[in-house]
């Protein structure tokens, strides 16, 4: 279970960095969304 969460985090972080957000504000929003998705997966 921990490995799948780690892989999910890595994949989502990679997608966030590859989505070409040009500002730190945009990066912050992407990281926030990533955190919310991880929390949703962890609570299931």
Protein backbone atom coordinates (compact mmCIF):
# COMPACT_ATOMS: atom_id res chain seq x y z
CA UNK A 1 0.00 0.00 0.00
CA UNK A 2 2.78 2.43 0.88
CA UNK A 3 4.54 1.66 -2.37
CA UNK A 4 1.45 2.40 -4.44
CA UNK A 5 0.95 5.72 -2.63
CA UNK A 6 4.60 6.59 -3.23
CA UNK A 7 4.29 5.74 -6.91
CA UNK A 8 1.09 7.77 -7.14
CA UNK A 9 2.84 10.74 -5.55
CA UNK A 10 5.77 10.44 -7.93
CA UNK A 11 3.51 10.22 -10.97
CA UNK A 12 1.39 13.16 -9.91
CA UNK A 13 4.42 15.28 -9.05
CA UNK A 14 5.91 14.47 -12.46
CA UNK A 15 2.70 15.50 -14.17
CA UNK A 16 2.59 18.72 -12.16
CA UNK A 17 6.14 19.66 -13.13
CA UNK A 18 5.60 18.71 -16.77
CA UNK A 19 2.39 20.72 -17.03
CA UNK A 20 4.53 23.83 -17.58
CA UNK A 21 3.29 26.07 -14.83
CA UNK A 22 5.24 29.28 -15.30
CA UNK A 23 4.93 30.86 -11.88
CA UNK A 24 5.49 29.83 -8.29
CA UNK A 25 1.82 30.58 -7.65
CA UNK A 26 0.85 28.09 -10.33
CA UNK A 27 3.23 25.54 -8.86
CA UNK A 28 1.70 26.08 -5.43
CA UNK A 29 -1.77 25.44 -6.82
CA UNK A 30 -0.57 22.27 -8.53
CA UNK A 31 1.04 20.99 -5.32
CA UNK A 32 -2.12 21.79 -3.37
CA UNK A 33 -4.24 19.80 -5.84
CA UNK A 34 -1.74 16.96 -5.63
CA UNK A 35 -2.01 16.93 -1.85
CA UNK A 36 -5.78 16.83 -2.01
CA UNK A 37 -5.73 13.88 -4.39
CA UNK A 38 -3.30 12.00 -2.16
CA UNK A 39 -5.52 12.64 0.88
CA UNK A 40 -8.54 11.34 -1.05
CA UNK A 41 -6.67 8.16 -2.02
CA UNK A 42 -5.34 7.66 1.50
CA UNK A 43 -8.79 7.96 3.07
CA UNK A 44 -10.23 5.26 0.81
